[in-house]
Amino acid sequence: MELEKAACSHMQEIKELKQAKEEVCEECVKIHSTWVHLRTCQTCGATLCCDQSRHKHMTKHFHRTGHPVIISSEPGEKWMWCYPDNLFAEYS
């Protein structure tokens, strides 16, 4: 994986990407809800819904755990987001 030069230290610590195990928001499934897009935590591998989704489970996960970096789990998208640094970066 190669990151943009502007990547923060949290992103640079990631050596291997954690990919979604399933294409569902784990928390939305529990409450019988739906989601818009999925994101995968690069610390623990949890796959949860984005901020465009009603419940914003991935942002809640960050606030609860402090896990800093997520990637998009959408097909064809290769980007990551760092919550503490409020930073977006693409990777190849």
PDB file of N, CA and C in Angstrom:
ATOM      1  N   MET A   1       0.845  -1.170   0.000  1.00  0.00           N
ATOM      2  CA  MET A   1       0.000   0.000   0.000  1.00  0.00           C
ATOM      3  C   MET A   1       0.893   1.237   0.000  1.00  0.00           C
ATOM      4  N   GLU A   2       0.571   2.151  -0.887  1.00  0.00           N
ATOM      5  CA  GLU A   2       1.314   3.402  -0.944  1.00  0.00           C
ATOM      6  C   GLU A   2       0.368   4.563  -0.671  1.00  0.00           C
ATOM      7  N   LEU A   3       0.747   5.419   0.261  1.00  0.00           N
ATOM      8  CA  LEU A   3      -0.066   6.565   0.677  1.00  0.00           C
ATOM      9  C   LEU A   3       0.395   7.846   0.007  1.00  0.00           C
ATOM     10  N   GLU A   4      -0.533   8.802  -0.057  1.00  0.00           N
ATOM     11  CA  GLU A   4      -0.160  10.148  -0.471  1.00  0.00           C
ATOM     12  C   GLU A   4       0.884  10.689   0.497  1.00  0.00           C
ATOM     13  N   LYS A   5       1.691  11.607   0.062  1.00  0.00           N
ATOM     14  CA  LYS A   5       2.730  12.186   0.911  1.00  0.00           C
ATOM     15  C   LYS A   5       2.146  12.946   2.093  1.00  0.00           C
ATOM     16  N   ALA A   6       0.920  13.439   1.968  1.00  0.00           N
ATOM     17  CA  ALA A   6       0.305  14.241   3.029  1.00  0.00           C
ATOM     18  C   ALA A   6      -0.267  13.397   4.168  1.00  0.00           C
ATOM     19  N   ALA A   7      -0.089  12.108   4.116  1.00  0.00           N
ATOM     20  CA  ALA A   7      -0.657  11.228   5.138  1.00  0.00           C
ATOM     21  C   ALA A   7      -0.073  11.554   6.518  1.00  0.00           C
ATOM     22  N   CYS A   8      -0.916  11.418   7.541  1.00  0.00           N
ATOM     23  CA  CYS A   8      -0.491  11.706   8.916  1.00  0.00           C
ATOM     24  C   CYS A   8       0.229  10.500   9.533  1.00  0.00           C
ATOM     25  N   SER A   9       0.730  10.683  10.741  1.00  0.00           N
ATOM     26  CA  SER A   9       1.463   9.609  11.421  1.00  0.00           C
ATOM     27  C   SER A   9       0.567   8.414  11.721  1.00  0.00           C
ATOM     28  N   HIS A  10      -0.725   8.654  12.020  1.00  0.00           N
ATOM     29  CA  HIS A  10      -1.648   7.537  12.274  1.00  0.00           C
ATOM     30  C   HIS A  10      -1.773   6.660  11.031  1.00  0.00           C
ATOM     31  N   MET A  11      -1.894   7.284   9.872  1.00  0.00           N
ATOM     32  CA  MET A  11      -2.008   6.540   8.612  1.00  0.00           C
ATOM     33  C   MET A  11      -0.709   5.832   8.265  1.00  0.00           C
ATOM     34  N   GLN A  12       0.397   6.483   8.511  1.00  0.00           N
ATOM     35  CA  GLN A  12       1.694   5.901   8.173  1.00  0.00           C
ATOM     36  C   GLN A  12       2.011   4.665   9.013  1.00  0.00           C
ATOM     37  N   GLU A  13       1.377   4.529  10.167  1.00  0.00           N
ATOM     38  CA  GLU A  13       1.587   3.352  11.016  1.00  0.00           C
ATOM     39  C   GLU A  13       0.930   2.100  10.438  1.00  0.00           C
ATOM     40  N   ILE A  14      -0.003   2.254   9.526  1.00  0.00           N
ATOM     41  CA  ILE A  14      -0.728   1.114   8.962  1.00  0.00           C
ATOM     42  C   ILE A  14       0.137   0.432   7.909  1.00  0.00           C
ATOM     43  N   LYS A  15       0.431  -0.823   8.126  1.00  0.00           N
ATOM     44  CA  LYS A  15       1.278  -1.577   7.196  1.00  0.00           C
ATOM     45  C   LYS A  15       0.457  -2.495   6.296  1.00  0.00           C
ATOM     46  N   GLU A  16      -0.664  -2.975   6.815  1.00  0.00           N
ATOM     47  CA  GLU A  16      -1.542  -3.856   6.039  1.00  0.00           C
ATOM     48  C   GLU A  16      -2.986  -3.466   6.316  1.00  0.00           C
ATOM     49  N   LEU A  17      -3.760  -3.260   5.260  1.00  0.00           N
ATOM     50  CA  LEU A  17      -5.144  -2.828   5.426  1.00  0.00           C
ATOM     51  C   LEU A  17      -6.043  -3.945   5.932  1.00  0.00           C
ATOM     52  N   LYS A  18      -6.904  -3.591   6.849  1.00  0.00           N
ATOM     53  CA  LYS A  18      -7.941  -4.508   7.314  1.00  0.00           C
ATOM     54  C   LYS A  18      -9.148  -4.277   6.407  1.00  0.00           C
ATOM     55  N   GLN A  19      -9.611  -5.318   5.744  1.00  0.00           N
ATOM     56  CA  GLN A  19     -10.751  -5.230   4.833  1.00  0.00           C
ATOM     57  C   GLN A  19     -12.007  -5.709   5.541  1.00  0.00           C
ATOM     58  N   ALA A  20     -13.155  -5.271   5.049  1.00  0.00           N
ATOM     59  CA  ALA A  20     -14.441  -5.692   5.608  1.00  0.00           C
ATOM     60  C   ALA A  20     -14.581  -7.202   5.483  1.00  0.00           C
ATOM     61  N   LYS A  21     -15.001  -7.850   6.561  1.00  0.00           N
ATOM     62  CA  LYS A  21     -15.241  -9.294   6.525  1.00  0.00           C
ATOM     63  C   LYS A  21     -16.578  -9.585   5.867  1.00  0.00           C
ATOM     64  N   GLU A  22     -17.545  -8.696   6.102  1.00  0.00           N
ATOM     65  CA  GLU A  22     -18.867  -8.806   5.497  1.00  0.00           C
ATOM     66  C   GLU A  22     -19.281  -7.426   5.010  1.00  0.00           C
ATOM     67  N   GLU A  23     -20.167  -7.375   4.064  1.00  0.00           N
ATOM     68  CA  GLU A  23     -20.611  -6.096   3.523  1.00  0.00           C
ATOM     69  C   GLU A  23     -21.883  -5.626   4.232  1.00  0.00           C
ATOM     70  N   VAL A  24     -21.785  -5.507   5.559  1.00  0.00           N
ATOM     71  CA  VAL A  24     -22.897  -5.024   6.382  1.00  0.00           C
ATOM     72  C   VAL A  24     -22.344  -4.175   7.513  1.00  0.00           C
ATOM     73  N   CYS A  25     -23.183  -3.248   8.011  1.00  0.00           N
ATOM     74  CA  CYS A  25     -22.839  -2.522   9.234  1.00  0.00           C
ATOM     75  C   CYS A  25     -23.232  -3.440  10.384  1.00  0.00           C
ATOM     76  N   GLU A  26     -22.260  -3.856  11.160  1.00  0.00           N
ATOM     77  CA  GLU A  26     -22.495  -4.794  12.258  1.00  0.00           C
ATOM     78  C   GLU A  26     -23.531  -4.270  13.244  1.00  0.00           C
ATOM     79  N   GLU A  27     -23.515  -2.975  13.523  1.00  0.00           N
ATOM     80  CA  GLU A  27     -24.446  -2.389  14.493  1.00  0.00           C
ATOM     81  C   GLU A  27     -25.841  -2.181  13.905  1.00  0.00           C
ATOM     82  N   CYS A  28     -25.930  -1.771  12.644  1.00  0.00           N
ATOM     83  CA  CYS A  28     -27.243  -1.610  12.008  1.00  0.00           C
ATOM     84  C   CYS A  28     -27.986  -2.943  11.933  1.00  0.00           C
ATOM     85  N   VAL A  29     -27.257  -4.018  11.670  1.00  0.00           N
ATOM     86  CA  VAL A  29     -27.880  -5.346  11.608  1.00  0.00           C
ATOM     87  C   VAL A  29     -28.529  -5.673  12.948  1.00  0.00           C
ATOM     88  N   LYS A  30     -27.855  -5.344  14.032  1.00  0.00           N
ATOM     89  CA  LYS A  30     -28.379  -5.641  15.373  1.00  0.00           C
ATOM     90  C   LYS A  30     -29.695  -4.931  15.658  1.00  0.00           C
ATOM     91  N   ILE A  31     -29.872  -3.723  15.093  1.00  0.00           N
ATOM     92  CA  ILE A  31     -31.086  -2.948  15.375  1.00  0.00           C
ATOM     93  C   ILE A  31     -32.054  -2.928  14.182  1.00  0.00           C
ATOM     94  N   HIS A  32     -31.790  -3.787  13.211  1.00  0.00           N
ATOM     95  CA  HIS A  32     -32.657  -3.920  12.032  1.00  0.00           C
ATOM     96  C   HIS A  32     -32.800  -2.595  11.283  1.00  0.00           C
ATOM     97  N   SER A  33     -31.670  -1.888  11.106  1.00  0.00           N
ATOM     98  CA  SER A  33     -31.652  -0.620  10.402  1.00  0.00           C
ATOM     99  C   SER A  33     -30.886  -0.775   9.085  1.00  0.00           C
ATOM    100  N   THR A  34     -30.801   0.297   8.336  1.00  0.00           N
ATOM    101  CA  THR A  34     -30.085   0.286   7.060  1.00  0.00           C
ATOM    102  C   THR A  34     -28.950   1.303   7.113  1.00  0.00           C
ATOM    103  N   TRP A  35     -28.093   1.277   6.103  1.00  0.00           N
ATOM    104  CA  TRP A  35     -26.946   2.171   6.040  1.00  0.00           C
ATOM    105  C   TRP A  35     -26.771   2.648   4.607  1.00  0.00           C
ATOM    106  N   VAL A  36     -25.916   3.677   4.450  1.00  0.00           N
ATOM    107  CA  VAL A  36     -25.636   4.235   3.127  1.00  0.00           C
ATOM    108  C   VAL A  36     -24.327   3.672   2.589  1.00  0.00           C
ATOM    109  N   HIS A  37     -23.231   3.876   3.327  1.00  0.00           N
ATOM    110  CA  HIS A  37     -21.912   3.383   2.934  1.00  0.00           C
ATOM    111  C   HIS A  37     -21.242   2.740   4.142  1.00  0.00           C
ATOM    112  N   LEU A  38     -20.246   1.921   3.867  1.00  0.00           N
ATOM    113  CA  LEU A  38     -19.537   1.217   4.934  1.00  0.00           C
ATOM    114  C   LEU A  38     -18.088   1.685   5.038  1.00  0.00           C
ATOM    115  N   ARG A  39     -17.588   1.667   6.263  1.00  0.00           N
ATOM    116  CA  ARG A  39     -16.204   2.015   6.563  1.00  0.00           C
ATOM    117  C   ARG A  39     -15.624   0.927   7.455  1.00  0.00           C
ATOM    118  N   THR A  40     -14.314   0.689   7.343  1.00  0.00           N
ATOM    119  CA  THR A  40     -13.670  -0.340   8.158  1.00  0.00           C
ATOM    120  C   THR A  40     -12.569   0.287   9.011  1.00  0.00           C
ATOM    121  N   CYS A  41     -12.636   0.038  10.307  1.00  0.00           N
ATOM    122  CA  CYS A  41     -11.654   0.531  11.270  1.00  0.00           C
ATOM    123  C   CYS A  41     -10.325  -0.182  11.031  1.00  0.00           C
ATOM    124  N   GLN A  42      -9.249   0.590  10.984  1.00  0.00           N
ATOM    125  CA  GLN A  42      -7.943   0.006  10.738  1.00  0.00           C
ATOM    126  C   GLN A  42      -7.216  -0.419  12.003  1.00  0.00           C
ATOM    127  N   THR A  43      -7.845  -0.254  13.147  1.00  0.00           N
ATOM    128  CA  THR A  43      -7.280  -0.761  14.393  1.00  0.00           C
ATOM    129  C   THR A  43      -7.848  -2.137  14.702  1.00  0.00           C
ATOM    130  N   CYS A  44      -9.176  -2.259  14.649  1.00  0.00           N
ATOM    131  CA  CYS A  44      -9.809  -3.516  15.070  1.00  0.00           C
ATOM    132  C   CYS A  44     -10.535  -4.269  13.955  1.00  0.00           C
ATOM    133  N   GLY A  45     -10.733  -3.641  12.804  1.00  0.00           N
ATOM    134  CA  GLY A  45     -11.387  -4.315  11.688  1.00  0.00           C
ATOM    135  C   GLY A  45     -12.905  -4.248  11.690  1.00  0.00           C
ATOM    136  N   ALA A  46     -13.505  -3.517  12.628  1.00  0.00           N
ATOM    137  CA  ALA A  46     -14.967  -3.391  12.659  1.00  0.00           C
ATOM    138  C   ALA A  46     -15.435  -2.668  11.398  1.00  0.00           C
ATOM    139  N   THR A  47     -16.522  -3.156  10.805  1.00  0.00           N
ATOM    140  CA  THR A  47     -17.109  -2.513   9.641  1.00  0.00           C
ATOM    141  C   THR A  47     -18.449  -1.927  10.047  1.00  0.00           C
ATOM    142  N   LEU A  48     -18.566  -0.601   9.899  1.00  0.00           N
ATOM    143  CA  LEU A  48     -19.739   0.126  10.372  1.00  0.00           C
ATOM    144  C   LEU A  48     -20.148   1.190   9.361  1.00  0.00           C
ATOM    145  N   CYS A  49     -21.310   1.794   9.590  1.00  0.00           N
ATOM    146  CA  CYS A  49     -21.856   2.758   8.635  1.00  0.00           C
ATOM    147  C   CYS A  49     -21.218   4.142   8.749  1.00  0.00           C
ATOM    148  N   CYS A  50     -21.331   4.890   7.651  1.00  0.00           N
ATOM    149  CA  CYS A  50     -20.728   6.217   7.521  1.00  0.00           C
ATOM    150  C   CYS A  50     -21.598   7.312   8.125  1.00  0.00           C
ATOM    151  N   ASP A  51     -21.101   8.542   8.053  1.00  0.00           N
ATOM    152  CA  ASP A  51     -21.839   9.679   8.601  1.00  0.00           C
ATOM    153  C   ASP A  51     -23.050  10.081   7.766  1.00  0.00           C
ATOM    154  N   GLN A  52     -23.169   9.579   6.557  1.00  0.00           N
ATOM    155  CA  GLN A  52     -24.375   9.827   5.760  1.00  0.00           C
ATOM    156  C   GLN A  52     -25.496   8.883   6.178  1.00  0.00           C
ATOM    157  N   SER A  53     -25.161   7.872   6.924  1.00  0.00           N
ATOM    158  CA  SER A  53     -26.145   6.915   7.426  1.00  0.00           C
ATOM    159  C   SER A  53     -26.799   7.466   8.686  1.00  0.00           C
ATOM    160  N   ARG A  54     -27.997   7.024   8.947  1.00  0.00           N
ATOM    161  CA  ARG A  54     -28.790   7.537  10.073  1.00  0.00           C
ATOM    162  C   ARG A  54     -28.069   7.454  11.414  1.00  0.00           C
ATOM    163  N   HIS A  55     -27.427   6.328  11.693  1.00  0.00           N
ATOM    164  CA  HIS A  55     -26.864   6.094  13.026  1.00  0.00           C
ATOM    165  C   HIS A  55     -25.380   6.446  13.173  1.00  0.00           C
ATOM    166  N   LYS A  56     -24.683   6.680  12.086  1.00  0.00           N
ATOM    167  CA  LYS A  56     -23.270   7.117  12.119  1.00  0.00           C
ATOM    168  C   LYS A  56     -22.429   6.238  13.046  1.00  0.00           C
ATOM    169  N   HIS A  57     -22.558   4.936  12.876  1.00  0.00           N
ATOM    170  CA  HIS A  57     -21.901   4.012  13.798  1.00  0.00           C
ATOM    171  C   HIS A  57     -20.378   4.093  13.793  1.00  0.00           C
ATOM    172  N   MET A  58     -19.747   4.380  12.639  1.00  0.00           N
ATOM    173  CA  MET A  58     -18.278   4.423  12.644  1.00  0.00           C
ATOM    174  C   MET A  58     -17.770   5.612  13.452  1.00  0.00           C
ATOM    175  N   THR A  59     -18.403   6.756  13.342  1.00  0.00           N
ATOM    176  CA  THR A  59     -17.970   7.905  14.145  1.00  0.00           C
ATOM    177  C   THR A  59     -18.202   7.636  15.623  1.00  0.00           C
ATOM    178  N   LYS A  60     -19.300   6.994  15.958  1.00  0.00           N
ATOM    179  CA  LYS A  60     -19.554   6.615  17.358  1.00  0.00           C
ATOM    180  C   LYS A  60     -18.473   5.650  17.847  1.00  0.00           C
ATOM    181  N   HIS A  61     -18.063   4.736  16.974  1.00  0.00           N
ATOM    182  CA  HIS A  61     -16.995   3.783  17.301  1.00  0.00           C
ATOM    183  C   HIS A  61     -15.707   4.543  17.620  1.00  0.00           C
ATOM    184  N   PHE A  62     -15.355   5.539  16.796  1.00  0.00           N
ATOM    185  CA  PHE A  62     -14.157   6.336  17.057  1.00  0.00           C
ATOM    186  C   PHE A  62     -14.244   7.026  18.426  1.00  0.00           C
ATOM    187  N   HIS A  63     -15.370   7.655  18.719  1.00  0.00           N
ATOM    188  CA  HIS A  63     -15.503   8.370  19.993  1.00  0.00           C
ATOM    189  C   HIS A  63     -15.451   7.418  21.188  1.00  0.00           C
ATOM    190  N   ARG A  64     -15.942   6.207  20.999  1.00  0.00           N
ATOM    191  CA  ARG A  64     -15.943   5.223  22.082  1.00  0.00           C
ATOM    192  C   ARG A  64     -14.565   4.593  22.280  1.00  0.00           C
ATOM    193  N   THR A  65     -13.843   4.337  21.180  1.00  0.00           N
ATOM    194  CA  THR A  65     -12.592   3.571  21.266  1.00  0.00           C
ATOM    195  C   THR A  65     -11.325   4.393  21.076  1.00  0.00           C
ATOM    196  N   GLY A  66     -11.428   5.502  20.340  1.00  0.00           N
ATOM    197  CA  GLY A  66     -10.238   6.272  20.006  1.00  0.00           C
ATOM    198  C   GLY A  66      -9.464   5.706  18.830  1.00  0.00           C
ATOM    199  N   HIS A  67      -9.990   4.690  18.158  1.00  0.00           N
ATOM    200  CA  HIS A  67      -9.316   4.123  16.985  1.00  0.00           C
ATOM    201  C   HIS A  67      -9.310   5.187  15.886  1.00  0.00           C
ATOM    202  N   PRO A  68      -8.129   5.626  15.429  1.00  0.00           N
ATOM    203  CA  PRO A  68      -8.041   6.838  14.620  1.00  0.00           C
ATOM    204  C   PRO A  68      -8.368   6.747  13.134  1.00  0.00           C
ATOM    205  N   VAL A  69      -8.062   5.626  12.479  1.00  0.00           N
ATOM    206  CA  VAL A  69      -8.125   5.597  11.013  1.00  0.00           C
ATOM    207  C   VAL A  69      -9.146   4.580  10.505  1.00  0.00           C
ATOM    208  N   ILE A  70      -9.904   5.024   9.487  1.00  0.00           N
ATOM    209  CA  ILE A  70     -10.842   4.139   8.795  1.00  0.00           C
ATOM    210  C   ILE A  70     -10.538   4.169   7.301  1.00  0.00           C
ATOM    211  N   ILE A  71     -10.993   3.139   6.594  1.00  0.00           N
ATOM    212  CA  ILE A  71     -10.954   3.155   5.135  1.00  0.00           C
ATOM    213  C   ILE A  71     -12.374   2.983   4.622  1.00  0.00           C
ATOM    214  N   SER A  72     -12.581   3.409   3.394  1.00  0.00           N
ATOM    215  CA  SER A  72     -13.856   3.143   2.743  1.00  0.00           C
ATOM    216  C   SER A  72     -13.917   1.659   2.426  1.00  0.00           C
ATOM    217  N   SER A  73     -15.081   1.068   2.629  1.00  0.00           N
ATOM    218  CA  SER A  73     -15.282  -0.338   2.285  1.00  0.00           C
ATOM    219  C   SER A  73     -16.123  -0.463   1.019  1.00  0.00           C
ATOM    220  N   GLU A  74     -16.272   0.645   0.314  1.00  0.00           N
ATOM    221  CA  GLU A  74     -17.041   0.644  -0.929  1.00  0.00           C
ATOM    222  C   GLU A  74     -16.160   0.164  -2.079  1.00  0.00           C
ATOM    223  N   PRO A  75     -16.695  -0.689  -2.963  1.00  0.00           N
ATOM    224  CA  PRO A  75     -15.911  -1.200  -4.100  1.00  0.00           C
ATOM    225  C   PRO A  75     -15.327  -0.059  -4.933  1.00  0.00           C
ATOM    226  N   GLY A  76     -14.045  -0.180  -5.262  1.00  0.00           N
ATOM    227  CA  GLY A  76     -13.371   0.788  -6.118  1.00  0.00           C
ATOM    228  C   GLY A  76     -12.852   2.026  -5.412  1.00  0.00           C
ATOM    229  N   GLU A  77     -13.212   2.236  -4.151  1.00  0.00           N
ATOM    230  CA  GLU A  77     -12.734   3.407  -3.417  1.00  0.00           C
ATOM    231  C   GLU A  77     -11.483   3.038  -2.626  1.00  0.00           C
ATOM    232  N   LYS A  78     -10.446   3.865  -2.759  1.00  0.00           N
ATOM    233  CA  LYS A  78      -9.186   3.609  -2.060  1.00  0.00           C
ATOM    234  C   LYS A  78      -8.774   4.865  -1.317  1.00  0.00           C
ATOM    235  N   TRP A  79      -9.450   5.107  -0.208  1.00  0.00           N
ATOM    236  CA  TRP A  79      -9.125   6.255   0.614  1.00  0.00           C
ATOM    237  C   TRP A  79      -9.270   5.907   2.078  1.00  0.00           C
ATOM    238  N   MET A  80      -8.607   6.712   2.895  1.00  0.00           N
ATOM    239  CA  MET A  80      -8.704   6.554   4.337  1.00  0.00           C
ATOM    240  C   MET A  80      -8.927   7.907   4.977  1.00  0.00           C
ATOM    241  N   TRP A  81      -9.421   7.871   6.209  1.00  0.00           N
ATOM    242  CA  TRP A  81      -9.738   9.077   6.968  1.00  0.00           C
ATOM    243  C   TRP A  81      -9.158   8.926   8.359  1.00  0.00           C
ATOM    244  N   CYS A  82      -8.507   9.982   8.838  1.00  0.00           N
ATOM    245  CA  CYS A  82      -7.996  10.013  10.198  1.00  0.00           C
ATOM    246  C   CYS A  82      -8.861  10.975  10.992  1.00  0.00           C
ATOM    247  N   TYR A  83      -9.561  10.457  11.994  1.00  0.00           N
ATOM    248  CA  TYR A  83     -10.421  11.297  12.830  1.00  0.00           C
ATOM    249  C   TYR A  83      -9.641  12.349  13.624  1.00  0.00           C
ATOM    250  N   PRO A  84      -8.588  11.980  14.376  1.00  0.00           N
ATOM    251  CA  PRO A  84      -7.899  12.990  15.189  1.00  0.00           C
ATOM    252  C   PRO A  84      -7.288  14.127  14.360  1.00  0.00           C
ATOM    253  N   ASP A  85      -6.764  13.795  13.185  1.00  0.00           N
ATOM    254  CA  ASP A  85      -6.106  14.799  12.360  1.00  0.00           C
ATOM    255  C   ASP A  85      -7.042  15.412  11.318  1.00  0.00           C
ATOM    256  N   ASN A  86      -8.281  14.911  11.258  1.00  0.00           N
ATOM    257  CA  ASN A  86      -9.276  15.436  10.318  1.00  0.00           C
ATOM    258  C   ASN A  86      -8.682  15.439   8.907  1.00  0.00           C
ATOM    259  N   LEU A  87      -8.106  14.280   8.513  1.00  0.00           N
ATOM    260  CA  LEU A  87      -7.334  14.198   7.281  1.00  0.00           C
ATOM    261  C   LEU A  87      -7.792  13.049   6.392  1.00  0.00           C
ATOM    262  N   PHE A  88      -7.932  13.345   5.115  1.00  0.00           N
ATOM    263  CA  PHE A  88      -8.299  12.397   4.063  1.00  0.00           C
ATOM    264  C   PHE A  88      -7.055  12.102   3.242  1.00  0.00           C
ATOM    265  N   ALA A  89      -6.853  10.846   2.864  1.00  0.00           N
ATOM    266  CA  ALA A  89      -5.738  10.494   1.978  1.00  0.00           C
ATOM    267  C   ALA A  89      -6.137   9.318   1.111  1.00  0.00           C
ATOM    268  N   GLU A  90      -5.683   9.349  -0.120  1.00  0.00           N
ATOM    269  CA  GLU A  90      -5.889   8.220  -1.030  1.00  0.00           C
ATOM    270  C   GLU A  90      -4.663   7.318  -0.967  1.00  0.00           C
ATOM    271  N   TYR A  91      -4.859   6.065  -1.320  1.00  0.00           N
ATOM    272  CA  TYR A  91      -3.762   5.112  -1.349  1.00  0.00           C
ATOM    273  C   TYR A  91      -3.878   4.273  -2.600  1.00  0.00           C
ATOM    274  N   SER A  92      -2.810   3.577  -2.921  1.00  0.00           N
ATOM    275  CA  SER A  92      -2.835   2.686  -4.091  1.00  0.00           C
ATOM    276  C   SER A  92      -2.385   1.294  -3.683  1.00  0.00           C
TER     277      SER A  92
END
